[in-house]
Amino acid sequence: MPVEHFALHQYSNLEWSASTLISTLNHFPSVNSLFFRDCHPQFLHALTVTSLDQPCPGLRMLAIAEGTIPDDTLVSMARSRTKHSKDL
């Protein structure tokens, strides 16, 4: 059964790098929803799509709760994902 949902709760320290998170998620291409609760902003920033990298290409839903995500990080990530979306 493919993994479709992934949640990261209360992970605000930097012991686990954002690149490790993305590398882990890349092993599960069926992930289509992510939930971050009280997590460090680097994990959200790691979801930013570039011309060289598209982390979590199947992502359709992203939920963020109780985090201190800077507005520019959130806006930049959201714009990058919609700009590269084939569904739009």
PDB file of N, CA and C in Angstrom:
ATOM      1  N   MET A   1       0.848  -1.172   0.000  1.00  0.00           N
ATOM      2  CA  MET A   1       0.000   0.000   0.000  1.00  0.00           C
ATOM      3  C   MET A   1       0.900   1.243   0.000  1.00  0.00           C
ATOM      4  N   PRO A   2       0.725   2.145  -0.940  1.00  0.00           N
ATOM      5  CA  PRO A   2       1.596   3.326  -1.026  1.00  0.00           C
ATOM      6  C   PRO A   2       1.310   4.329   0.096  1.00  0.00           C
ATOM      7  N   VAL A   3       2.354   5.006   0.529  1.00  0.00           N
ATOM      8  CA  VAL A   3       2.232   6.055   1.539  1.00  0.00           C
ATOM      9  C   VAL A   3       1.729   7.322   0.848  1.00  0.00           C
ATOM     10  N   GLU A   4       0.607   7.862   1.311  1.00  0.00           N
ATOM     11  CA  GLU A   4       0.043   9.062   0.709  1.00  0.00           C
ATOM     12  C   GLU A   4       0.106  10.270   1.634  1.00  0.00           C
ATOM     13  N   HIS A   5       0.196  10.049   2.935  1.00  0.00           N
ATOM     14  CA  HIS A   5       0.160  11.130   3.907  1.00  0.00           C
ATOM     15  C   HIS A   5       1.388  11.055   4.812  1.00  0.00           C
ATOM     16  N   PHE A   6       1.931  12.216   5.131  1.00  0.00           N
ATOM     17  CA  PHE A   6       3.119  12.284   5.979  1.00  0.00           C
ATOM     18  C   PHE A   6       2.937  13.442   6.942  1.00  0.00           C
ATOM     19  N   ALA A   7       3.206  13.198   8.226  1.00  0.00           N
ATOM     20  CA  ALA A   7       3.071  14.251   9.236  1.00  0.00           C
ATOM     21  C   ALA A   7       4.368  14.373  10.024  1.00  0.00           C
ATOM     22  N   LEU A   8       4.734  15.604  10.315  1.00  0.00           N
ATOM     23  CA  LEU A   8       5.907  15.903  11.130  1.00  0.00           C
ATOM     24  C   LEU A   8       5.425  16.816  12.250  1.00  0.00           C
ATOM     25  N   HIS A   9       5.512  16.327  13.487  1.00  0.00           N
ATOM     26  CA  HIS A   9       4.979  17.046  14.637  1.00  0.00           C
ATOM     27  C   HIS A   9       6.094  17.497  15.575  1.00  0.00           C
ATOM     28  N   GLN A  10       6.018  18.738  15.982  1.00  0.00           N
ATOM     29  CA  GLN A  10       6.893  19.324  16.989  1.00  0.00           C
ATOM     30  C   GLN A  10       8.358  19.022  16.730  1.00  0.00           C
ATOM     31  N   TYR A  11       8.774  19.302  15.541  1.00  0.00           N
ATOM     32  CA  TYR A  11      10.171  19.089  15.196  1.00  0.00           C
ATOM     33  C   TYR A  11      10.791  20.431  14.852  1.00  0.00           C
ATOM     34  N   SER A  12      11.263  21.107  15.887  1.00  0.00           N
ATOM     35  CA  SER A  12      11.776  22.453  15.686  1.00  0.00           C
ATOM     36  C   SER A  12      13.290  22.544  15.837  1.00  0.00           C
ATOM     37  N   ASN A  13      13.932  21.442  16.178  1.00  0.00           N
ATOM     38  CA  ASN A  13      15.395  21.511  16.258  1.00  0.00           C
ATOM     39  C   ASN A  13      15.997  21.131  14.913  1.00  0.00           C
ATOM     40  N   LEU A  14      17.278  21.260  14.797  1.00  0.00           N
ATOM     41  CA  LEU A  14      17.924  21.057  13.499  1.00  0.00           C
ATOM     42  C   LEU A  14      18.733  19.763  13.422  1.00  0.00           C
ATOM     43  N   GLU A  15      18.414  18.785  14.279  1.00  0.00           N
ATOM     44  CA  GLU A  15      19.162  17.525  14.243  1.00  0.00           C
ATOM     45  C   GLU A  15      18.957  16.790  12.922  1.00  0.00           C
ATOM     46  N   TRP A  16      17.777  16.893  12.366  1.00  0.00           N
ATOM     47  CA  TRP A  16      17.454  16.228  11.112  1.00  0.00           C
ATOM     48  C   TRP A  16      17.357  17.317  10.054  1.00  0.00           C
ATOM     49  N   SER A  17      18.184  17.265   9.059  1.00  0.00           N
ATOM     50  CA  SER A  17      18.235  18.344   8.072  1.00  0.00           C
ATOM     51  C   SER A  17      17.044  18.297   7.119  1.00  0.00           C
ATOM     52  N   ALA A  18      16.780  19.442   6.518  1.00  0.00           N
ATOM     53  CA  ALA A  18      15.705  19.525   5.529  1.00  0.00           C
ATOM     54  C   ALA A  18      16.016  18.643   4.325  1.00  0.00           C
ATOM     55  N   SER A  19      17.284  18.566   3.962  1.00  0.00           N
ATOM     56  CA  SER A  19      17.645  17.714   2.823  1.00  0.00           C
ATOM     57  C   SER A  19      17.386  16.239   3.142  1.00  0.00           C
ATOM     58  N   THR A  20      17.543  15.856   4.397  1.00  0.00           N
ATOM     59  CA  THR A  20      17.238  14.482   4.800  1.00  0.00           C
ATOM     60  C   THR A  20      15.739  14.227   4.692  1.00  0.00           C
ATOM     61  N   LEU A  21      14.941  15.215   5.084  1.00  0.00           N
ATOM     62  CA  LEU A  21      13.492  15.078   4.952  1.00  0.00           C
ATOM     63  C   LEU A  21      13.099  14.885   3.494  1.00  0.00           C
ATOM     64  N   ILE A  22      13.613  15.739   2.619  1.00  0.00           N
ATOM     65  CA  ILE A  22      13.273  15.648   1.200  1.00  0.00           C
ATOM     66  C   ILE A  22      13.770  14.321   0.614  1.00  0.00           C
ATOM     67  N   SER A  23      14.957  13.917   0.990  1.00  0.00           N
ATOM     68  CA  SER A  23      15.485  12.633   0.523  1.00  0.00           C
ATOM     69  C   SER A  23      14.570  11.487   0.958  1.00  0.00           C
ATOM     70  N   THR A  24      14.098  11.548   2.188  1.00  0.00           N
ATOM     71  CA  THR A  24      13.183  10.516   2.691  1.00  0.00           C
ATOM     72  C   THR A  24      11.873  10.538   1.914  1.00  0.00           C
ATOM     73  N   LEU A  25      11.315  11.736   1.721  1.00  0.00           N
ATOM     74  CA  LEU A  25      10.051  11.847   0.991  1.00  0.00           C
ATOM     75  C   LEU A  25      10.184  11.403  -0.461  1.00  0.00           C
ATOM     76  N   ASN A  26      11.360  11.574  -1.046  1.00  0.00           N
ATOM     77  CA  ASN A  26      11.575  11.143  -2.430  1.00  0.00           C
ATOM     78  C   ASN A  26      11.470   9.629  -2.591  1.00  0.00           C
ATOM     79  N   HIS A  27      11.599   8.902  -1.489  1.00  0.00           N
ATOM     80  CA  HIS A  27      11.426   7.439  -1.537  1.00  0.00           C
ATOM     81  C   HIS A  27       9.950   7.046  -1.551  1.00  0.00           C
ATOM     82  N   PHE A  28       9.094   8.041  -1.359  1.00  0.00           N
ATOM     83  CA  PHE A  28       7.649   7.800  -1.327  1.00  0.00           C
ATOM     84  C   PHE A  28       6.959   8.757  -2.303  1.00  0.00           C
ATOM     85  N   PRO A  29       7.062   8.509  -3.606  1.00  0.00           N
ATOM     86  CA  PRO A  29       6.504   9.429  -4.602  1.00  0.00           C
ATOM     87  C   PRO A  29       4.978   9.529  -4.551  1.00  0.00           C
ATOM     88  N   SER A  30       4.335   8.626  -3.842  1.00  0.00           N
ATOM     89  CA  SER A  30       2.872   8.665  -3.754  1.00  0.00           C
ATOM     90  C   SER A  30       2.371   9.640  -2.684  1.00  0.00           C
ATOM     91  N   VAL A  31       3.280  10.249  -1.909  1.00  0.00           N
ATOM     92  CA  VAL A  31       2.855  11.221  -0.891  1.00  0.00           C
ATOM     93  C   VAL A  31       2.172  12.394  -1.581  1.00  0.00           C
ATOM     94  N   ASN A  32       0.924  12.646  -1.168  1.00  0.00           N
ATOM     95  CA  ASN A  32       0.189  13.765  -1.756  1.00  0.00           C
ATOM     96  C   ASN A  32      -0.278  14.775  -0.714  1.00  0.00           C
ATOM     97  N   SER A  33      -0.056  14.467   0.564  1.00  0.00           N
ATOM     98  CA  SER A  33      -0.402  15.446   1.596  1.00  0.00           C
ATOM     99  C   SER A  33       0.636  15.417   2.710  1.00  0.00           C
ATOM    100  N   LEU A  34       0.986  16.626   3.146  1.00  0.00           N
ATOM    101  CA  LEU A  34       1.948  16.800   4.229  1.00  0.00           C
ATOM    102  C   LEU A  34       1.319  17.656   5.311  1.00  0.00           C
ATOM    103  N   PHE A  35       1.626  17.324   6.555  1.00  0.00           N
ATOM    104  CA  PHE A  35       1.149  18.097   7.685  1.00  0.00           C
ATOM    105  C   PHE A  35       2.337  18.411   8.575  1.00  0.00           C
ATOM    106  N   PHE A  36       2.609  19.688   8.757  1.00  0.00           N
ATOM    107  CA  PHE A  36       3.678  20.143   9.642  1.00  0.00           C
ATOM    108  C   PHE A  36       3.056  20.852  10.836  1.00  0.00           C
ATOM    109  N   ARG A  37       3.387  20.393  12.014  1.00  0.00           N
ATOM    110  CA  ARG A  37       2.886  21.040  13.232  1.00  0.00           C
ATOM    111  C   ARG A  37       4.069  21.417  14.100  1.00  0.00           C
ATOM    112  N   ASP A  38       4.202  22.702  14.348  1.00  0.00           N
ATOM    113  CA  ASP A  38       5.257  23.237  15.215  1.00  0.00           C
ATOM    114  C   ASP A  38       6.633  22.749  14.760  1.00  0.00           C
ATOM    115  N   CYS A  39       6.935  22.955  13.482  1.00  0.00           N
ATOM    116  CA  CYS A  39       8.205  22.518  12.908  1.00  0.00           C
ATOM    117  C   CYS A  39       9.042  23.718  12.477  1.00  0.00           C
ATOM    118  N   HIS A  40      10.327  23.499  12.362  1.00  0.00           N
ATOM    119  CA  HIS A  40      11.254  24.549  11.948  1.00  0.00           C
ATOM    120  C   HIS A  40      10.946  24.974  10.506  1.00  0.00           C
ATOM    121  N   PRO A  41      11.052  26.266  10.195  1.00  0.00           N
ATOM    122  CA  PRO A  41      10.757  26.764   8.844  1.00  0.00           C
ATOM    123  C   PRO A  41      11.602  26.126   7.733  1.00  0.00           C
ATOM    124  N   GLN A  42      12.774  25.600   8.059  1.00  0.00           N
ATOM    125  CA  GLN A  42      13.618  25.000   7.022  1.00  0.00           C
ATOM    126  C   GLN A  42      12.921  23.842   6.320  1.00  0.00           C
ATOM    127  N   PHE A  43      12.041  23.137   7.026  1.00  0.00           N
ATOM    128  CA  PHE A  43      11.363  22.000   6.409  1.00  0.00           C
ATOM    129  C   PHE A  43      10.362  22.468   5.356  1.00  0.00           C
ATOM    130  N   LEU A  44       9.687  23.559   5.626  1.00  0.00           N
ATOM    131  CA  LEU A  44       8.774  24.120   4.638  1.00  0.00           C
ATOM    132  C   LEU A  44       9.547  24.711   3.465  1.00  0.00           C
ATOM    133  N   HIS A  45      10.608  25.416   3.764  1.00  0.00           N
ATOM    134  CA  HIS A  45      11.437  26.006   2.705  1.00  0.00           C
ATOM    135  C   HIS A  45      11.988  24.924   1.764  1.00  0.00           C
ATOM    136  N   ALA A  46      12.268  23.754   2.298  1.00  0.00           N
ATOM    137  CA  ALA A  46      12.808  22.661   1.484  1.00  0.00           C
ATOM    138  C   ALA A  46      11.827  22.180   0.417  1.00  0.00           C
ATOM    139  N   LEU A  47      10.564  22.532   0.548  1.00  0.00           N
ATOM    140  CA  LEU A  47       9.560  22.136  -0.445  1.00  0.00           C
ATOM    141  C   LEU A  47       9.503  23.074  -1.635  1.00  0.00           C
ATOM    142  N   THR A  48      10.319  24.120  -1.633  1.00  0.00           N
ATOM    143  CA  THR A  48      10.346  25.077  -2.740  1.00  0.00           C
ATOM    144  C   THR A  48      10.828  24.388  -4.016  1.00  0.00           C
ATOM    145  N   VAL A  49      10.095  24.591  -5.079  1.00  0.00           N
ATOM    146  CA  VAL A  49      10.428  24.002  -6.375  1.00  0.00           C
ATOM    147  C   VAL A  49      11.377  24.941  -7.116  1.00  0.00           C
ATOM    148  N   THR A  50      12.409  24.350  -7.709  1.00  0.00           N
ATOM    149  CA  THR A  50      13.343  25.105  -8.551  1.00  0.00           C
ATOM    150  C   THR A  50      13.396  24.438  -9.917  1.00  0.00           C
ATOM    151  N   SER A  51      14.149  25.026 -10.818  1.00  0.00           N
ATOM    152  CA  SER A  51      14.282  24.427 -12.145  1.00  0.00           C
ATOM    153  C   SER A  51      15.054  23.101 -12.083  1.00  0.00           C
ATOM    154  N   LEU A  52      15.811  22.889 -11.017  1.00  0.00           N
ATOM    155  CA  LEU A  52      16.605  21.665 -10.880  1.00  0.00           C
ATOM    156  C   LEU A  52      15.985  20.631  -9.947  1.00  0.00           C
ATOM    157  N   ASP A  53      15.051  21.051  -9.128  1.00  0.00           N
ATOM    158  CA  ASP A  53      14.526  20.141  -8.111  1.00  0.00           C
ATOM    159  C   ASP A  53      13.042  20.400  -7.882  1.00  0.00           C
ATOM    160  N   GLN A  54      12.279  19.310  -7.831  1.00  0.00           N
ATOM    161  CA  GLN A  54      10.860  19.411  -7.511  1.00  0.00           C
ATOM    162  C   GLN A  54      10.540  18.404  -6.416  1.00  0.00           C
ATOM    163  N   PRO A  55      10.753  18.810  -5.165  1.00  0.00           N
ATOM    164  CA  PRO A  55      10.472  17.895  -4.062  1.00  0.00           C
ATOM    165  C   PRO A  55       8.970  17.615  -3.949  1.00  0.00           C
ATOM    166  N   CYS A  56       8.646  16.391  -3.636  1.00  0.00           N
ATOM    167  CA  CYS A  56       7.246  15.963  -3.478  1.00  0.00           C
ATOM    168  C   CYS A  56       6.390  16.382  -4.667  1.00  0.00           C
ATOM    169  N   PRO A  57       6.670  15.866  -5.835  1.00  0.00           N
ATOM    170  CA  PRO A  57       5.940  16.299  -7.032  1.00  0.00           C
ATOM    171  C   PRO A  57       4.445  15.996  -6.987  1.00  0.00           C
ATOM    172  N   GLY A  58       4.033  15.021  -6.204  1.00  0.00           N
ATOM    173  CA  GLY A  58       2.617  14.684  -6.117  1.00  0.00           C
ATOM    174  C   GLY A  58       1.862  15.449  -5.046  1.00  0.00           C
ATOM    175  N   LEU A  59       2.528  16.387  -4.380  1.00  0.00           N
ATOM    176  CA  LEU A  59       1.904  17.112  -3.271  1.00  0.00           C
ATOM    177  C   LEU A  59       0.678  17.885  -3.730  1.00  0.00           C
ATOM    178  N   ARG A  60      -0.446  17.631  -3.088  1.00  0.00           N
ATOM    179  CA  ARG A  60      -1.692  18.315  -3.407  1.00  0.00           C
ATOM    180  C   ARG A  60      -2.222  19.095  -2.207  1.00  0.00           C
ATOM    181  N   MET A  61      -1.836  18.679  -0.989  1.00  0.00           N
ATOM    182  CA  MET A  61      -2.309  19.356   0.208  1.00  0.00           C
ATOM    183  C   MET A  61      -1.156  19.536   1.188  1.00  0.00           C
ATOM    184  N   LEU A  62      -1.031  20.746   1.691  1.00  0.00           N
ATOM    185  CA  LEU A  62      -0.021  21.066   2.703  1.00  0.00           C
ATOM    186  C   LEU A  62      -0.719  21.775   3.845  1.00  0.00           C
ATOM    187  N   ALA A  63      -0.595  21.224   5.037  1.00  0.00           N
ATOM    188  CA  ALA A  63      -1.195  21.833   6.224  1.00  0.00           C
ATOM    189  C   ALA A  63      -0.077  22.225   7.182  1.00  0.00           C
ATOM    190  N   ILE A  64      -0.203  23.426   7.736  1.00  0.00           N
ATOM    191  CA  ILE A  64       0.790  23.942   8.672  1.00  0.00           C
ATOM    192  C   ILE A  64       0.040  24.434   9.902  1.00  0.00           C
ATOM    193  N   ALA A  65       0.467  23.997  11.069  1.00  0.00           N
ATOM    194  CA  ALA A  65      -0.174  24.428  12.307  1.00  0.00           C
ATOM    195  C   ALA A  65       0.882  24.796  13.332  1.00  0.00           C
ATOM    196  N   GLU A  66       0.578  25.809  14.097  1.00  0.00           N
ATOM    197  CA  GLU A  66       1.395  26.206  15.236  1.00  0.00           C
ATOM    198  C   GLU A  66       2.862  26.417  14.898  1.00  0.00           C
ATOM    199  N   GLY A  67       3.141  26.880  13.735  1.00  0.00           N
ATOM    200  CA  GLY A  67       4.525  27.127  13.350  1.00  0.00           C
ATOM    201  C   GLY A  67       4.817  28.609  13.262  1.00  0.00           C
ATOM    202  N   THR A  68       6.078  28.932  13.287  1.00  0.00           N
ATOM    203  CA  THR A  68       6.499  30.323  13.109  1.00  0.00           C
ATOM    204  C   THR A  68       7.209  30.419  11.773  1.00  0.00           C
ATOM    205  N   ILE A  69       6.436  30.315  10.717  1.00  0.00           N
ATOM    206  CA  ILE A  69       6.959  30.359   9.364  1.00  0.00           C
ATOM    207  C   ILE A  69       6.954  31.806   8.888  1.00  0.00           C
ATOM    208  N   PRO A  70       8.114  32.341   8.506  1.00  0.00           N
ATOM    209  CA  PRO A  70       8.133  33.708   7.978  1.00  0.00           C
ATOM    210  C   PRO A  70       7.265  33.814   6.719  1.00  0.00           C
ATOM    211  N   ASP A  71       6.576  34.934   6.588  1.00  0.00           N
ATOM    212  CA  ASP A  71       5.689  35.138   5.444  1.00  0.00           C
ATOM    213  C   ASP A  71       6.415  34.937   4.115  1.00  0.00           C
ATOM    214  N   ASP A  72       7.636  35.464   4.008  1.00  0.00           N
ATOM    215  CA  ASP A  72       8.356  35.359   2.732  1.00  0.00           C
ATOM    216  C   ASP A  72       8.694  33.913   2.384  1.00  0.00           C
ATOM    217  N   THR A  73       8.963  33.081   3.386  1.00  0.00           N
ATOM    218  CA  THR A  73       9.233  31.662   3.140  1.00  0.00           C
ATOM    219  C   THR A  73       7.981  30.970   2.615  1.00  0.00           C
ATOM    220  N   LEU A  74       6.868  31.237   3.250  1.00  0.00           N
ATOM    221  CA  LEU A  74       5.604  30.614   2.852  1.00  0.00           C
ATOM    222  C   LEU A  74       5.185  31.056   1.450  1.00  0.00           C
ATOM    223  N   VAL A  75       5.252  32.342   1.191  1.00  0.00           N
ATOM    224  CA  VAL A  75       4.851  32.870  -0.117  1.00  0.00           C
ATOM    225  C   VAL A  75       5.772  32.350  -1.215  1.00  0.00           C
ATOM    226  N   SER A  76       7.066  32.349  -0.966  1.00  0.00           N
ATOM    227  CA  SER A  76       8.035  31.870  -1.955  1.00  0.00           C
ATOM    228  C   SER A  76       7.796  30.400  -2.300  1.00  0.00           C
ATOM    229  N   MET A  77       7.574  29.583  -1.268  1.00  0.00           N
ATOM    230  CA  MET A  77       7.332  28.158  -1.503  1.00  0.00           C
ATOM    231  C   MET A  77       6.039  27.961  -2.284  1.00  0.00           C
ATOM    232  N   ALA A  78       4.982  28.652  -1.874  1.00  0.00           N
ATOM    233  CA  ALA A  78       3.690  28.496  -2.553  1.00  0.00           C
ATOM    234  C   ALA A  78       3.766  28.941  -4.015  1.00  0.00           C
ATOM    235  N   ARG A  79       4.407  30.062  -4.269  1.00  0.00           N
ATOM    236  CA  ARG A  79       4.546  30.535  -5.648  1.00  0.00           C
ATOM    237  C   ARG A  79       5.347  29.557  -6.496  1.00  0.00           C
ATOM    238  N   SER A  80       6.402  29.013  -5.921  1.00  0.00           N
ATOM    239  CA  SER A  80       7.229  28.078  -6.700  1.00  0.00           C
ATOM    240  C   SER A  80       6.444  26.833  -7.080  1.00  0.00           C
ATOM    241  N   ARG A  81       5.595  26.371  -6.182  1.00  0.00           N
ATOM    242  CA  ARG A  81       4.841  25.142  -6.440  1.00  0.00           C
ATOM    243  C   ARG A  81       3.709  25.384  -7.430  1.00  0.00           C
ATOM    244  N   THR A  82       3.085  26.533  -7.393  1.00  0.00           N
ATOM    245  CA  THR A  82       2.008  26.800  -8.344  1.00  0.00           C
ATOM    246  C   THR A  82       2.562  27.154  -9.715  1.00  0.00           C
ATOM    247  N   LYS A  83       3.698  27.793  -9.753  1.00  0.00           N
ATOM    248  CA  LYS A  83       4.352  28.159 -11.020  1.00  0.00           C
ATOM    249  C   LYS A  83       4.718  26.918 -11.824  1.00  0.00           C
ATOM    250  N   HIS A  84       5.127  25.862 -11.145  1.00  0.00           N
ATOM    251  CA  HIS A  84       5.575  24.642 -11.807  1.00  0.00           C
ATOM    252  C   HIS A  84       4.495  23.562 -11.885  1.00  0.00           C
ATOM    253  N   SER A  85       3.303  23.871 -11.413  1.00  0.00           N
ATOM    254  CA  SER A  85       2.247  22.862 -11.400  1.00  0.00           C
ATOM    255  C   SER A  85       1.689  22.638 -12.798  1.00  0.00           C
ATOM    256  N   LYS A  86       1.566  21.387 -13.181  1.00  0.00           N
ATOM    257  CA  LYS A  86       0.979  21.039 -14.469  1.00  0.00           C
ATOM    258  C   LYS A  86      -0.527  21.037 -14.415  1.00  0.00           C
ATOM    259  N   ASP A  87      -1.092  21.068 -13.185  1.00  0.00           N
ATOM    260  CA  ASP A  87      -2.543  21.025 -13.028  1.00  0.00           C
ATOM    261  C   ASP A  87      -3.192  22.383 -13.196  1.00  0.00           C
ATOM    262  N   LEU A  88      -2.400  23.456 -13.194  1.00  0.00           N
ATOM    263  CA  LEU A  88      -2.966  24.807 -13.287  1.00  0.00           C
ATOM    264  C   LEU A  88      -3.075  25.273 -14.716  1.00  0.00           C
TER     265      LEU A  88
END
